[in-house]
Amino acid sequence: ITITLVTFINEAVRKIPVQYAKKVVGRKLYGGQNSHIPMKVNQSGVMPIIFASSLLAFPQTIALFMGENA
């Protein structure tokens, strides 16, 4: 479930609507198309996930080394 959620958030894109200007020549209307700009929801990628997992593993690693030396 976690991997699916992380993948979903990492690949999510927000579509920002854009409307181009219209040009009138005589009685004809040119342009005025609607489009969108794709913006990633999570701009930093998977870096926060890697950092969080290393922070969670840090106390266990310290406890492992302290147990061997004591």
Foldseek 3Di string as FASTA:
>chain_A
DVVVVLVCLLPDWDWAKDWDDWDDDPNDIDGGDIDTDTDRNDVVHCVVVVVVVCVVCVVVVVVVVVVVVD
